[in-house]
Amino acid sequence: MRVRLDLHDGVLGPNAFTLASVTGSDAADVSGFAIGTPDTSGKLRAERAGNAGDRVYHLTYTGHDEIGRPVGCTVTVTVPHDQGGN
């Protein structure tokens, strides 16, 4: 999946950012993201077995505006269980 974001403080415009963390229920479900870089693409497991619930992932990005104030955001990705009757 690919994340598209514009990290800014509302006053000074867009800023550089880095990926601070990617979390989910199982670390093995996340691959291809490079923490500490401006990475916006990687893989998140979508498949579910049986009657397991949704998969939820959180990607946190941080940065600073032009005068050093911290800015950041967390993107939440929810992969719902299919509705195929399983």
N, C-alpha and C. Protein backbone atom coordinates (compact mmCIF):
# COMPACT_ATOMS: atom_id res chain seq x y z
N MET A 1 0.83 -1.16 0.00
CA MET A 1 0.00 0.00 0.00
C MET A 1 0.88 1.22 0.00
N ARG A 2 0.33 2.33 -0.40
CA ARG A 2 1.07 3.59 -0.43
C ARG A 2 0.27 4.63 0.34
N VAL A 3 0.98 5.39 1.17
CA VAL A 3 0.39 6.47 1.95
C VAL A 3 0.70 7.78 1.25
N ARG A 4 -0.29 8.65 1.18
CA ARG A 4 -0.05 10.00 0.64
C ARG A 4 -0.37 10.98 1.76
N LEU A 5 0.61 11.82 2.11
CA LEU A 5 0.37 12.77 3.18
C LEU A 5 1.07 14.08 2.90
N ASP A 6 0.53 15.13 3.51
CA ASP A 6 1.09 16.48 3.45
C ASP A 6 1.17 16.94 4.90
N LEU A 7 2.35 16.92 5.46
CA LEU A 7 2.55 17.24 6.87
C LEU A 7 2.91 18.71 6.98
N HIS A 8 2.00 19.51 7.57
CA HIS A 8 2.28 20.93 7.73
C HIS A 8 1.59 21.46 8.98
N ASP A 9 2.03 22.62 9.42
CA ASP A 9 1.49 23.19 10.65
C ASP A 9 0.38 24.20 10.41
N GLY A 10 -0.03 24.41 9.18
CA GLY A 10 -1.11 25.33 8.88
C GLY A 10 -0.67 26.77 8.68
N VAL A 11 0.61 27.06 8.93
CA VAL A 11 1.10 28.43 8.81
C VAL A 11 2.24 28.52 7.80
N LEU A 12 3.24 27.67 7.96
CA LEU A 12 4.46 27.80 7.17
C LEU A 12 4.55 26.86 5.97
N GLY A 13 3.52 26.09 5.72
CA GLY A 13 3.52 25.24 4.53
C GLY A 13 4.04 23.84 4.78
N PRO A 14 4.20 23.06 3.68
CA PRO A 14 4.59 21.66 3.80
C PRO A 14 5.99 21.50 4.37
N ASN A 15 6.22 20.36 5.00
CA ASN A 15 7.48 20.07 5.65
C ASN A 15 7.96 18.67 5.28
N ALA A 16 9.24 18.45 5.52
CA ALA A 16 9.79 17.10 5.39
C ALA A 16 9.26 16.25 6.54
N PHE A 17 9.19 14.95 6.33
CA PHE A 17 8.67 14.05 7.36
C PHE A 17 9.46 12.75 7.34
N THR A 18 9.35 12.00 8.42
CA THR A 18 9.91 10.65 8.48
C THR A 18 8.88 9.72 9.09
N LEU A 19 8.98 8.47 8.73
CA LEU A 19 8.13 7.43 9.30
C LEU A 19 8.71 7.06 10.66
N ALA A 20 7.95 7.31 11.72
CA ALA A 20 8.42 7.03 13.08
C ALA A 20 8.10 5.61 13.53
N SER A 21 6.93 5.09 13.12
CA SER A 21 6.57 3.73 13.53
C SER A 21 5.45 3.18 12.67
N VAL A 22 5.39 1.86 12.59
CA VAL A 22 4.28 1.13 11.97
C VAL A 22 3.91 0.04 12.97
N THR A 23 2.66 0.04 13.41
CA THR A 23 2.24 -0.97 14.38
C THR A 23 0.99 -1.69 13.89
N GLY A 24 0.85 -2.90 14.33
CA GLY A 24 -0.31 -3.73 14.03
C GLY A 24 -0.36 -4.84 15.05
N SER A 25 -1.29 -5.74 14.91
CA SER A 25 -1.44 -6.81 15.89
C SER A 25 -0.28 -7.80 15.87
N ASP A 26 0.41 -7.91 14.75
CA ASP A 26 1.53 -8.85 14.62
C ASP A 26 2.60 -8.23 13.74
N ALA A 27 3.81 -8.08 14.25
CA ALA A 27 4.90 -7.45 13.50
C ALA A 27 5.18 -8.17 12.18
N ALA A 28 4.90 -9.48 12.12
CA ALA A 28 5.13 -10.24 10.88
C ALA A 28 4.17 -9.83 9.77
N ASP A 29 3.11 -9.08 10.11
CA ASP A 29 2.12 -8.65 9.12
C ASP A 29 2.54 -7.39 8.38
N VAL A 30 3.67 -6.79 8.76
CA VAL A 30 4.14 -5.52 8.18
C VAL A 30 5.51 -5.76 7.55
N SER A 31 5.70 -5.32 6.30
CA SER A 31 7.02 -5.44 5.67
C SER A 31 7.22 -4.32 4.65
N GLY A 32 8.47 -4.02 4.39
CA GLY A 32 8.81 -3.08 3.34
C GLY A 32 8.83 -1.62 3.73
N PHE A 33 8.49 -1.28 4.97
CA PHE A 33 8.55 0.10 5.44
C PHE A 33 9.89 0.33 6.13
N ALA A 34 10.55 1.46 5.86
CA ALA A 34 11.84 1.78 6.48
C ALA A 34 11.65 2.90 7.51
N ILE A 35 11.66 2.53 8.79
CA ILE A 35 11.50 3.50 9.88
C ILE A 35 12.66 4.49 9.84
N GLY A 36 12.37 5.77 10.12
CA GLY A 36 13.41 6.80 10.14
C GLY A 36 13.68 7.42 8.78
N THR A 37 12.89 7.04 7.78
CA THR A 37 13.02 7.60 6.43
C THR A 37 11.65 8.16 6.01
N PRO A 38 11.60 8.90 4.91
CA PRO A 38 10.30 9.41 4.44
C PRO A 38 9.53 8.35 3.63
N ASP A 39 9.53 7.12 4.10
CA ASP A 39 8.92 6.00 3.40
C ASP A 39 7.40 6.07 3.44
N THR A 40 6.77 5.89 2.31
CA THR A 40 5.31 5.91 2.23
C THR A 40 4.74 4.66 1.58
N SER A 41 5.57 3.63 1.36
CA SER A 41 5.02 2.42 0.75
C SER A 41 5.60 1.18 1.42
N GLY A 42 4.77 0.16 1.48
CA GLY A 42 5.15 -1.11 2.07
C GLY A 42 3.99 -2.07 1.98
N LYS A 43 4.09 -3.18 2.69
CA LYS A 43 3.05 -4.20 2.63
C LYS A 43 2.44 -4.42 4.00
N LEU A 44 1.11 -4.56 4.01
CA LEU A 44 0.35 -4.88 5.21
C LEU A 44 -0.50 -6.10 4.89
N ARG A 45 -0.48 -7.10 5.76
CA ARG A 45 -1.26 -8.32 5.52
C ARG A 45 -2.75 -8.01 5.57
N ALA A 46 -3.48 -8.54 4.60
CA ALA A 46 -4.93 -8.32 4.55
C ALA A 46 -5.72 -9.58 4.88
N GLU A 47 -5.19 -10.76 4.57
CA GLU A 47 -5.97 -11.99 4.74
C GLU A 47 -6.29 -12.28 6.21
N ARG A 48 -7.43 -12.90 6.41
CA ARG A 48 -7.88 -13.31 7.75
C ARG A 48 -8.35 -14.76 7.67
N ALA A 49 -8.14 -15.48 8.73
CA ALA A 49 -8.60 -16.87 8.78
C ALA A 49 -9.88 -16.96 9.59
N GLY A 50 -10.78 -17.83 9.15
CA GLY A 50 -12.00 -18.11 9.92
C GLY A 50 -12.80 -16.88 10.26
N ASN A 51 -13.15 -16.75 11.53
CA ASN A 51 -13.99 -15.62 11.95
C ASN A 51 -13.20 -14.53 12.67
N ALA A 52 -11.91 -14.43 12.40
CA ALA A 52 -11.07 -13.39 13.01
C ALA A 52 -11.58 -12.01 12.61
N GLY A 53 -11.32 -11.02 13.44
CA GLY A 53 -11.80 -9.67 13.19
C GLY A 53 -10.95 -8.91 12.18
N ASP A 54 -11.22 -7.62 12.09
CA ASP A 54 -10.49 -6.74 11.18
C ASP A 54 -9.01 -6.66 11.56
N ARG A 55 -8.18 -6.35 10.59
CA ARG A 55 -6.77 -6.03 10.86
C ARG A 55 -6.67 -4.51 10.91
N VAL A 56 -5.97 -3.98 11.91
CA VAL A 56 -5.82 -2.53 12.06
C VAL A 56 -4.33 -2.22 12.20
N TYR A 57 -3.87 -1.25 11.42
CA TYR A 57 -2.47 -0.82 11.43
C TYR A 57 -2.42 0.68 11.68
N HIS A 58 -1.33 1.14 12.32
CA HIS A 58 -1.13 2.56 12.57
C HIS A 58 0.26 2.94 12.07
N LEU A 59 0.33 3.94 11.19
CA LEU A 59 1.59 4.46 10.68
C LEU A 59 1.74 5.88 11.22
N THR A 60 2.80 6.15 11.96
CA THR A 60 3.01 7.46 12.57
C THR A 60 4.17 8.16 11.87
N TYR A 61 3.90 9.40 11.45
CA TYR A 61 4.90 10.23 10.78
C TYR A 61 5.18 11.45 11.64
N THR A 62 6.45 11.87 11.67
CA THR A 62 6.84 13.06 12.42
C THR A 62 7.69 13.98 11.55
N GLY A 63 7.73 15.24 11.95
CA GLY A 63 8.55 16.23 11.25
C GLY A 63 8.61 17.49 12.08
N HIS A 64 9.18 18.54 11.50
CA HIS A 64 9.29 19.84 12.16
C HIS A 64 9.00 20.92 11.13
N ASP A 65 8.41 22.02 11.59
CA ASP A 65 8.20 23.13 10.68
C ASP A 65 9.51 23.91 10.52
N GLU A 66 9.47 24.99 9.76
CA GLU A 66 10.69 25.73 9.43
C GLU A 66 11.37 26.38 10.63
N ILE A 67 10.66 26.54 11.74
CA ILE A 67 11.30 27.11 12.93
C ILE A 67 11.48 26.07 14.04
N GLY A 68 11.32 24.80 13.70
CA GLY A 68 11.63 23.73 14.63
C GLY A 68 10.51 23.18 15.47
N ARG A 69 9.30 23.68 15.30
CA ARG A 69 8.17 23.13 16.07
C ARG A 69 7.79 21.76 15.53
N PRO A 70 7.51 20.81 16.43
CA PRO A 70 7.16 19.46 15.96
C PRO A 70 5.76 19.40 15.36
N VAL A 71 5.63 18.64 14.30
CA VAL A 71 4.35 18.33 13.68
C VAL A 71 4.32 16.83 13.41
N GLY A 72 3.14 16.27 13.32
CA GLY A 72 3.06 14.84 13.06
C GLY A 72 1.64 14.39 12.82
N CYS A 73 1.52 13.15 12.41
CA CYS A 73 0.20 12.57 12.21
C CYS A 73 0.30 11.06 12.28
N THR A 74 -0.83 10.43 12.56
CA THR A 74 -0.93 8.98 12.54
C THR A 74 -2.01 8.58 11.55
N VAL A 75 -1.65 7.69 10.64
CA VAL A 75 -2.58 7.17 9.64
C VAL A 75 -3.05 5.81 10.15
N THR A 76 -4.36 5.60 10.19
CA THR A 76 -4.92 4.31 10.60
C THR A 76 -5.47 3.60 9.37
N VAL A 77 -5.02 2.37 9.16
CA VAL A 77 -5.48 1.56 8.04
C VAL A 77 -6.25 0.38 8.63
N THR A 78 -7.52 0.24 8.24
CA THR A 78 -8.33 -0.89 8.70
C THR A 78 -8.66 -1.77 7.51
N VAL A 79 -8.32 -3.05 7.63
CA VAL A 79 -8.64 -4.03 6.60
C VAL A 79 -9.76 -4.89 7.17
N PRO A 80 -11.01 -4.68 6.70
CA PRO A 80 -12.14 -5.43 7.26
C PRO A 80 -12.09 -6.90 6.85
N HIS A 81 -12.63 -7.75 7.72
CA HIS A 81 -12.79 -9.16 7.37
C HIS A 81 -13.76 -9.24 6.21
N ASP A 82 -13.52 -10.16 5.29
CA ASP A 82 -14.43 -10.27 4.15
C ASP A 82 -15.83 -10.64 4.63
N GLN A 83 -16.78 -10.39 3.81
CA GLN A 83 -18.18 -10.67 4.15
C GLN A 83 -18.66 -11.94 3.46
N GLY A 84 -17.72 -12.86 3.17
CA GLY A 84 -18.04 -14.07 2.43
C GLY A 84 -18.68 -15.18 3.24
N GLY A 85 -19.08 -14.91 4.47
CA GLY A 85 -19.75 -15.91 5.27
C GLY A 85 -18.83 -16.75 6.13
N ASN A 86 -17.53 -16.47 6.14
CA ASN A 86 -16.58 -17.22 6.99
C ASN A 86 -16.42 -16.56 8.32
